[in-house]
Structure formats: structure tokens, C-alpha cells
């Protein structure tokens, strides 16, 4: 199912998120901050690699 958006729809959505004091914008920025903190947290990459190695070792057993 295809969805079509007009230039005005996109403009309205961007303004809604970017406007200072916008409740939607505040929610988006807070969510962005949470994801940034998670993805930049120390040890995240190594924990994924450690988990992958463990699963590969289990497959070999």
C-alpha cells in the first residue's frame, strides 16, 4: 500500500517537530537523546560481539 504525502504535509510535520515548545518536538528530542545515550554507551559494541562469539561457539558444540 503506497502512501502519498504533499509538500505541505511534509512541511507541517517538520515544523511540528522543529518548533521550540512543541510537545511533539520535545518528545522527539527526548527520544533522540535516549537513543543517542544508548548507542554511545561504553561497552555496547563489545557486548554484541561477545554475544555473537558465544552463540557461534554454541553452534559448534
Protein backbone atom coordinates (compact mmCIF):
# COMPACT_ATOMS: atom_id res chain seq x y z
CA UNK A 1 0.00 0.00 0.00
CA UNK A 2 1.51 3.28 -1.09
CA UNK A 3 1.11 6.47 0.87
CA UNK A 4 1.34 9.87 -0.73
CA UNK A 5 2.39 13.00 1.09
CA UNK A 6 2.14 16.50 -0.24
CA UNK A 7 4.82 19.10 0.19
CA UNK A 8 2.52 20.81 2.67
CA UNK A 9 2.13 17.60 4.72
CA UNK A 10 5.90 17.21 4.99
CA UNK A 11 6.38 20.89 5.81
CA UNK A 12 3.75 20.71 8.56
CA UNK A 13 5.34 17.59 10.07
CA UNK A 14 8.81 19.16 10.08
CA UNK A 15 7.53 22.38 11.64
CA UNK A 16 5.65 20.40 14.29
CA UNK A 17 8.83 18.62 15.34
CA UNK A 18 11.22 21.55 14.99
CA UNK A 19 9.21 24.33 16.66
CA UNK A 20 10.53 25.24 20.10
CA UNK A 21 7.99 24.49 22.79
CA UNK A 22 6.16 21.97 20.65
CA UNK A 23 5.07 18.98 22.74
CA UNK A 24 5.70 16.63 19.82
CA UNK A 25 9.10 18.21 19.25
CA UNK A 26 10.01 17.79 22.91
CA UNK A 27 9.02 14.11 22.77
CA UNK A 28 11.08 13.55 19.61
CA UNK A 29 14.12 15.30 21.11
CA UNK A 30 13.82 13.32 24.37
CA UNK A 31 13.56 10.07 22.42
CA UNK A 32 16.55 11.06 20.29
CA UNK A 33 18.56 11.77 23.44
CA UNK A 34 17.69 8.35 24.92
CA UNK A 35 18.73 6.54 21.72
CA UNK A 36 21.93 8.56 21.49
CA UNK A 37 22.87 7.69 25.08
CA UNK A 38 22.15 4.01 24.48
CA UNK A 39 24.04 3.77 21.21
CA UNK A 40 27.05 5.68 22.54
CA UNK A 41 27.19 3.81 25.83
CA UNK A 42 30.51 2.27 26.65
CA UNK A 43 30.70 -1.45 26.04
CA UNK A 44 27.66 -1.70 23.77
CA UNK A 45 29.63 -2.85 20.74
CA UNK A 46 31.79 -5.27 22.69
CA UNK A 47 28.72 -6.82 24.34
CA UNK A 48 27.22 -7.51 20.91
CA UNK A 49 30.47 -9.06 19.71
CA UNK A 50 30.80 -11.14 22.89
CA UNK A 51 27.23 -12.37 22.44
CA UNK A 52 27.88 -13.24 18.78
CA UNK A 53 31.04 -15.18 19.67
CA UNK A 54 29.17 -17.06 22.39
CA UNK A 55 26.36 -18.02 20.01
CA UNK A 56 28.84 -19.13 17.35
CA UNK A 57 30.67 -21.27 19.91
CA UNK A 58 27.35 -22.83 20.97
CA UNK A 59 26.63 -23.72 17.34
CA UNK A 60 29.97 -25.51 17.00
CA UNK A 61 29.44 -27.65 20.13
